[in-house]
Amino acid sequence: MKYLHISLFVYLIYGCAKKEVHLDVSTKKIEASQIAIHYLKSIGCSAELIGSLTVDTIYSVSATLVLFNINGRKEPNSNWNMLPILLHPDQTIDTTFYQPNVEKLEKHRNAPDSFPMFLNRSGATTLAQRHRLEPGIKPWKIHPAWSSNHVQDLTWIIQNTIQESTNGAYRASGKQLIINAINGEAETQFWQQIE
């Protein structure tokens, strides 16, 4: 079975309405998150720390980047709590990209504001709004990117679509905000696609 269907029930406070949401989660992505968790256990992360992790994003190109949010004991720093784990195509951990420091992870969980991690997806979206990235004609495309085998190049790319045409060849254009996941610095660029 290519996809595993997971049903989630979301209870809304307003009117106590019940909504069922179906998510398609590929088996490869589930396996990648399990491999990342196993790796964190093998380097000495406590069960309490592992239990505080939630998957933020799993992004695959040739390698797979698993991004966790670390939920702190106190009010979490909701924008700077991301933990990246990169898997090679053969599903082994790339420790040259980023090797987590267990002590720092525990300190972050206990005092998120004093020991920030990396900018998460929600924080990148908030920065895009602050930089006044226009909504565009389609929902934003948001994904992590990295250009080398080192976490220093980890960024979030948030892309809007300003124009789109299917007359003849497909054409689309817009703006993209490239946000450094380490320091939050952002750069706006224009993009164009012709097929």
C-alpha atoms as a PDB file:
ATOM      1  CA  MET A   1       0.000   0.000   0.000  1.00  0.00           C
ATOM      2  CA  LYS A   2       1.606   3.228  -1.214  1.00  0.00           C
ATOM      3  CA  TYR A   3      -0.078   5.550   1.228  1.00  0.00           C
ATOM      4  CA  LEU A   4      -1.186   5.090   4.759  1.00  0.00           C
ATOM      5  CA  HIS A   5      -4.438   6.831   5.533  1.00  0.00           C
ATOM      6  CA  ILE A   6      -4.651   8.398   8.927  1.00  0.00           C
ATOM      7  CA  SER A   7      -7.903   9.805  10.228  1.00  0.00           C
ATOM      8  CA  LEU A   8      -7.663  12.615  12.683  1.00  0.00           C
ATOM      9  CA  PHE A   9     -10.579  14.082  14.569  1.00  0.00           C
ATOM     10  CA  VAL A  10     -10.275  17.757  15.242  1.00  0.00           C
ATOM     11  CA  TYR A  11     -12.613  19.107  17.857  1.00  0.00           C
ATOM     12  CA  LEU A  12     -13.306  22.761  17.364  1.00  0.00           C
ATOM     13  CA  ILE A  13     -13.952  24.838  20.453  1.00  0.00           C
ATOM     14  CA  TYR A  14     -16.409  27.052  18.640  1.00  0.00           C
ATOM     15  CA  GLY A  15     -19.697  25.171  18.710  1.00  0.00           C
ATOM     16  CA  CYS A  16     -17.942  21.875  19.601  1.00  0.00           C
ATOM     17  CA  ALA A  17     -18.170  20.865  15.949  1.00  0.00           C
ATOM     18  CA  LYS A  18     -16.428  17.652  14.919  1.00  0.00           C
ATOM     19  CA  LYS A  19     -14.454  17.550  11.681  1.00  0.00           C
ATOM     20  CA  GLU A  20     -12.726  14.520  10.214  1.00  0.00           C
ATOM     21  CA  VAL A  21      -9.497  15.201   8.334  1.00  0.00           C
ATOM     22  CA  HIS A  22      -7.819  12.622   6.085  1.00  0.00           C
ATOM     23  CA  LEU A  23      -4.083  12.903   5.583  1.00  0.00           C
ATOM     24  CA  ASP A  24      -2.050  10.953   3.030  1.00  0.00           C
ATOM     25  CA  VAL A  25       1.303  10.192   4.562  1.00  0.00           C
ATOM     26  CA  SER A  26       3.688   8.192   2.419  1.00  0.00           C
ATOM     27  CA  THR A  27       5.209   5.121   3.995  1.00  0.00           C
ATOM     28  CA  LYS A  28       8.667   6.457   3.080  1.00  0.00           C
ATOM     29  CA  LYS A  29       8.066   9.588   5.155  1.00  0.00           C
ATOM     30  CA  ILE A  30       6.830   7.598   8.143  1.00  0.00           C
ATOM     31  CA  GLU A  31       9.906   5.367   7.907  1.00  0.00           C
ATOM     32  CA  ALA A  32      12.155   8.437   7.666  1.00  0.00           C
ATOM     33  CA  SER A  33      10.723   9.915  10.858  1.00  0.00           C
ATOM     34  CA  GLN A  34      11.096   6.557  12.635  1.00  0.00           C
ATOM     35  CA  ILE A  35      14.735   6.282  11.509  1.00  0.00           C
ATOM     36  CA  ALA A  36      15.386   9.828  12.767  1.00  0.00           C
ATOM     37  CA  ILE A  37      13.804   9.015  16.149  1.00  0.00           C
ATOM     38  CA  HIS A  38      15.879   5.820  16.413  1.00  0.00           C
ATOM     39  CA  TYR A  39      19.019   7.856  15.674  1.00  0.00           C
ATOM     40  CA  LEU A  40      18.171  10.405  18.394  1.00  0.00           C
ATOM     41  CA  LYS A  41      17.685   7.573  20.881  1.00  0.00           C
ATOM     42  CA  SER A  42      21.028   6.045  19.863  1.00  0.00           C
ATOM     43  CA  ILE A  43      22.929   9.278  20.608  1.00  0.00           C
ATOM     44  CA  GLY A  44      21.458   9.462  24.106  1.00  0.00           C
ATOM     45  CA  CYS A  45      18.329  11.606  23.852  1.00  0.00           C
ATOM     46  CA  SER A  46      16.054  10.937  26.810  1.00  0.00           C
ATOM     47  CA  ALA A  47      12.613   9.377  26.434  1.00  0.00           C
ATOM     48  CA  GLU A  48      11.212  12.654  27.772  1.00  0.00           C
ATOM     49  CA  LEU A  49      12.942  14.625  25.000  1.00  0.00           C
ATOM     50  CA  ILE A  50      11.861  12.130  22.327  1.00  0.00           C
ATOM     51  CA  GLY A  51       8.304  12.405  23.662  1.00  0.00           C
ATOM     52  CA  SER A  52       8.419  16.183  23.260  1.00  0.00           C
ATOM     53  CA  LEU A  53       9.090  15.973  19.500  1.00  0.00           C
ATOM     54  CA  THR A  54       6.459  16.535  16.845  1.00  0.00           C
ATOM     55  CA  VAL A  55       7.104  16.232  13.119  1.00  0.00           C
ATOM     56  CA  ASP A  56       6.992  19.660  11.460  1.00  0.00           C
ATOM     57  CA  THR A  57       7.940  18.793   7.890  1.00  0.00           C
ATOM     58  CA  ILE A  58       9.384  15.851   5.970  1.00  0.00           C
ATOM     59  CA  TYR A  59      10.806  16.941   2.629  1.00  0.00           C
ATOM     60  CA  SER A  60      12.327  14.570   0.077  1.00  0.00           C
ATOM     61  CA  VAL A  61      14.365  15.242  -3.006  1.00  0.00           C
ATOM     62  CA  SER A  62      17.239  12.769  -3.364  1.00  0.00           C
ATOM     63  CA  ALA A  63      17.829  12.949   0.407  1.00  0.00           C
ATOM     64  CA  THR A  64      15.092  13.246   3.023  1.00  0.00           C
ATOM     65  CA  LEU A  65      15.027  16.075   5.548  1.00  0.00           C
ATOM     66  CA  VAL A  66      13.028  15.348   8.697  1.00  0.00           C
ATOM     67  CA  LEU A  67      12.223  18.484  10.682  1.00  0.00           C
ATOM     68  CA  PHE A  68      10.990  18.091  14.249  1.00  0.00           C
ATOM     69  CA  ASN A  69       9.630  20.723  16.620  1.00  0.00           C
ATOM     70  CA  ILE A  70      10.857  20.402  20.199  1.00  0.00           C
ATOM     71  CA  ASN A  71       8.041  21.224  22.592  1.00  0.00           C
ATOM     72  CA  GLY A  72       9.498  22.708  25.780  1.00  0.00           C
ATOM     73  CA  ARG A  73       8.475  22.231  29.382  1.00  0.00           C
ATOM     74  CA  LYS A  74       7.673  25.920  29.689  1.00  0.00           C
ATOM     75  CA  GLU A  75       5.964  28.119  27.152  1.00  0.00           C
ATOM     76  CA  PRO A  76       7.818  27.108  23.991  1.00  0.00           C
ATOM     77  CA  ASN A  77       9.513  29.562  21.695  1.00  0.00           C
ATOM     78  CA  SER A  78       7.153  28.565  18.927  1.00  0.00           C
ATOM     79  CA  ASN A  79       9.298  29.887  16.093  1.00  0.00           C
ATOM     80  CA  TRP A  80      12.804  28.698  17.024  1.00  0.00           C
ATOM     81  CA  ASN A  81      12.350  25.085  18.099  1.00  0.00           C
ATOM     82  CA  MET A  82      13.177  23.071  14.970  1.00  0.00           C
ATOM     83  CA  LEU A  83      15.532  20.079  14.957  1.00  0.00           C
ATOM     84  CA  PRO A  84      16.737  18.963  11.471  1.00  0.00           C
ATOM     85  CA  ILE A  85      17.816  15.392  10.671  1.00  0.00           C
ATOM     86  CA  LEU A  86      19.000  14.595   7.125  1.00  0.00           C
ATOM     87  CA  LEU A  87      18.826  11.062   5.717  1.00  0.00           C
ATOM     88  CA  HIS A  88      20.826   9.882   2.692  1.00  0.00           C
ATOM     89  CA  PRO A  89      18.884   8.141  -0.109  1.00  0.00           C
ATOM     90  CA  ASP A  90      19.880   4.803   1.472  1.00  0.00           C
ATOM     91  CA  GLN A  91      18.093   5.947   4.682  1.00  0.00           C
ATOM     92  CA  THR A  92      21.287   6.391   6.740  1.00  0.00           C
ATOM     93  CA  ILE A  93      21.741   9.550   8.826  1.00  0.00           C
ATOM     94  CA  ASP A  94      23.942  12.304   7.385  1.00  0.00           C
ATOM     95  CA  THR A  95      25.923  13.385  10.454  1.00  0.00           C
ATOM     96  CA  THR A  96      28.021  15.845   8.423  1.00  0.00           C
ATOM     97  CA  PHE A  97      24.896  17.941   7.753  1.00  0.00           C
ATOM     98  CA  TYR A  98      23.995  18.366  11.421  1.00  0.00           C
ATOM     99  CA  GLN A  99      24.924  16.370  14.479  1.00  0.00           C
ATOM    100  CA  PRO A 100      22.584  17.202  17.369  1.00  0.00           C
ATOM    101  CA  ASN A 101      24.123  17.998  20.728  1.00  0.00           C
ATOM    102  CA  VAL A 102      21.997  16.133  23.292  1.00  0.00           C
ATOM    103  CA  GLU A 103      22.870  18.565  26.084  1.00  0.00           C
ATOM    104  CA  LYS A 104      21.798  21.558  23.959  1.00  0.00           C
ATOM    105  CA  LEU A 105      18.545  19.816  23.009  1.00  0.00           C
ATOM    106  CA  GLU A 106      17.726  19.230  26.682  1.00  0.00           C
ATOM    107  CA  LYS A 107      18.624  22.837  27.543  1.00  0.00           C
ATOM    108  CA  HIS A 108      16.373  24.056  24.745  1.00  0.00           C
ATOM    109  CA  ARG A 109      13.484  21.963  26.005  1.00  0.00           C
ATOM    110  CA  ASN A 110      13.920  23.390  29.520  1.00  0.00           C
ATOM    111  CA  ALA A 111      14.528  27.024  28.458  1.00  0.00           C
ATOM    112  CA  PRO A 112      13.525  27.545  24.802  1.00  0.00           C
ATOM    113  CA  ASP A 113      14.184  31.287  24.750  1.00  0.00           C
ATOM    114  CA  SER A 114      17.690  30.917  26.208  1.00  0.00           C
ATOM    115  CA  PHE A 115      18.711  28.076  23.868  1.00  0.00           C
ATOM    116  CA  PRO A 116      16.998  28.639  20.492  1.00  0.00           C
ATOM    117  CA  MET A 117      17.252  25.993  17.786  1.00  0.00           C
ATOM    118  CA  PHE A 118      16.353  26.523  14.116  1.00  0.00           C
ATOM    119  CA  LEU A 119      13.453  28.489  12.624  1.00  0.00           C
ATOM    120  CA  ASN A 120      10.455  26.216  12.053  1.00  0.00           C
ATOM    121  CA  ARG A 121       7.815  26.326   9.294  1.00  0.00           C
ATOM    122  CA  SER A 122       5.388  28.414  11.365  1.00  0.00           C
ATOM    123  CA  GLY A 123       8.123  30.941  12.157  1.00  0.00           C
ATOM    124  CA  ALA A 124       9.099  31.165   8.484  1.00  0.00           C
ATOM    125  CA  THR A 125       5.460  31.827   7.567  1.00  0.00           C
ATOM    126  CA  THR A 126       5.264  34.556  10.219  1.00  0.00           C
ATOM    127  CA  LEU A 127       8.432  36.184   8.818  1.00  0.00           C
ATOM    128  CA  ALA A 128       6.981  36.069   5.293  1.00  0.00           C
ATOM    129  CA  GLN A 129       3.908  37.922   6.564  1.00  0.00           C
ATOM    130  CA  ARG A 130       6.141  40.496   8.313  1.00  0.00           C
ATOM    131  CA  HIS A 131       8.058  40.957   5.050  1.00  0.00           C
ATOM    132  CA  ARG A 132       4.682  41.545   3.377  1.00  0.00           C
ATOM    133  CA  LEU A 133       4.932  38.688   0.882  1.00  0.00           C
ATOM    134  CA  GLU A 134       1.687  39.014  -1.057  1.00  0.00           C
ATOM    135  CA  PRO A 135      -0.825  36.149  -0.840  1.00  0.00           C
ATOM    136  CA  GLY A 136      -0.890  35.737  -4.630  1.00  0.00           C
ATOM    137  CA  ILE A 137      -3.497  33.834  -6.633  1.00  0.00           C
ATOM    138  CA  LYS A 138      -2.654  30.434  -5.117  1.00  0.00           C
ATOM    139  CA  PRO A 139      -1.686  29.346  -1.610  1.00  0.00           C
ATOM    140  CA  TRP A 140       1.986  29.870  -0.827  1.00  0.00           C
ATOM    141  CA  LYS A 141       4.372  27.001  -1.566  1.00  0.00           C
ATOM    142  CA  ILE A 142       6.550  26.472   1.512  1.00  0.00           C
ATOM    143  CA  HIS A 143       9.479  24.085   1.700  1.00  0.00           C
ATOM    144  CA  PRO A 144      12.922  23.767   3.231  1.00  0.00           C
ATOM    145  CA  ALA A 145      16.022  23.867   1.041  1.00  0.00           C
ATOM    146  CA  TRP A 146      19.735  23.295   1.478  1.00  0.00           C
ATOM    147  CA  SER A 147      22.544  23.706  -1.024  1.00  0.00           C
ATOM    148  CA  SER A 148      25.292  21.688   0.606  1.00  0.00           C
ATOM    149  CA  ASN A 149      25.882  19.006   3.180  1.00  0.00           C
ATOM    150  CA  HIS A 150      25.917  21.464   6.067  1.00  0.00           C
ATOM    151  CA  VAL A 151      23.084  22.864   8.148  1.00  0.00           C
ATOM    152  CA  GLN A 152      24.472  26.419   7.739  1.00  0.00           C
ATOM    153  CA  ASP A 153      22.785  26.467   4.322  1.00  0.00           C
ATOM    154  CA  LEU A 154      19.347  25.411   5.600  1.00  0.00           C
ATOM    155  CA  THR A 155      16.655  27.820   4.437  1.00  0.00           C
ATOM    156  CA  TRP A 156      12.913  28.066   4.065  1.00  0.00           C
ATOM    157  CA  ILE A 157      11.565  29.056   0.651  1.00  0.00           C
ATOM    158  CA  ILE A 158       8.127  30.628   0.605  1.00  0.00           C
ATOM    159  CA  GLN A 159       6.809  31.255  -2.870  1.00  0.00           C
ATOM    160  CA  ASN A 160       3.712  33.071  -4.041  1.00  0.00           C
ATOM    161  CA  THR A 161       2.167  32.984  -7.507  1.00  0.00           C
ATOM    162  CA  ILE A 162       1.297  36.425  -8.893  1.00  0.00           C
ATOM    163  CA  GLN A 163       0.551  35.436 -12.500  1.00  0.00           C
ATOM    164  CA  GLU A 164      -0.365  32.174 -14.177  1.00  0.00           C
ATOM    165  CA  SER A 165      -1.350  31.403 -17.757  1.00  0.00           C
ATOM    166  CA  THR A 166      -2.111  28.198 -19.627  1.00  0.00           C
ATOM    167  CA  ASN A 167      -2.449  29.798 -23.105  1.00  0.00           C
ATOM    168  CA  GLY A 168      -0.086  27.641 -25.140  1.00  0.00           C
ATOM    169  CA  ALA A 169       2.766  26.894 -22.769  1.00  0.00           C
ATOM    170  CA  TYR A 170       2.246  26.968 -19.019  1.00  0.00           C
ATOM    171  CA  ARG A 171       3.655  30.176 -17.544  1.00  0.00           C
ATOM    172  CA  ALA A 172       3.747  31.298 -13.945  1.00  0.00           C
ATOM    173  CA  SER A 173       5.636  33.914 -11.991  1.00  0.00           C
ATOM    174  CA  GLY A 174       5.792  35.481  -8.591  1.00  0.00           C
ATOM    175  CA  LYS A 175       8.029  36.272  -5.660  1.00  0.00           C
ATOM    176  CA  GLN A 176       9.818  34.031  -3.238  1.00  0.00           C
ATOM    177  CA  LEU A 177      11.221  34.790   0.155  1.00  0.00           C
ATOM    178  CA  ILE A 178      14.341  32.829   1.092  1.00  0.00           C
ATOM    179  CA  ILE A 179      14.698  32.729   4.878  1.00  0.00           C
ATOM    180  CA  ASN A 180      17.821  31.538   6.666  1.00  0.00           C
ATOM    181  CA  ALA A 181      16.696  28.952   9.253  1.00  0.00           C
ATOM    182  CA  ILE A 182      19.604  29.826  11.565  1.00  0.00           C
ATOM    183  CA  ASN A 183      19.286  33.598  11.867  1.00  0.00           C
ATOM    184  CA  GLY A 184      15.988  34.510  10.179  1.00  0.00           C
ATOM    185  CA  GLU A 185      17.587  36.768   7.569  1.00  0.00           C
ATOM    186  CA  ALA A 186      15.393  36.987   4.487  1.00  0.00           C
ATOM    187  CA  GLU A 187      15.904  37.829   0.829  1.00  0.00           C
ATOM    188  CA  THR A 188      13.159  38.421  -1.744  1.00  0.00           C
ATOM    189  CA  GLN A 189      13.611  37.185  -5.304  1.00  0.00           C
ATOM    190  CA  PHE A 190      11.405  36.948  -8.366  1.00  0.00           C
ATOM    191  CA  TRP A 191      10.768  33.573  -9.980  1.00  0.00           C
ATOM    192  CA  GLN A 192       9.371  32.486 -13.328  1.00  0.00           C
ATOM    193  CA  GLN A 193       8.401  29.097 -14.723  1.00  0.00           C
ATOM    194  CA  ILE A 194       7.726  28.235 -18.373  1.00  0.00           C
ATOM    195  CA  GLU A 195       6.835  24.712 -19.506  1.00  0.00           C
END
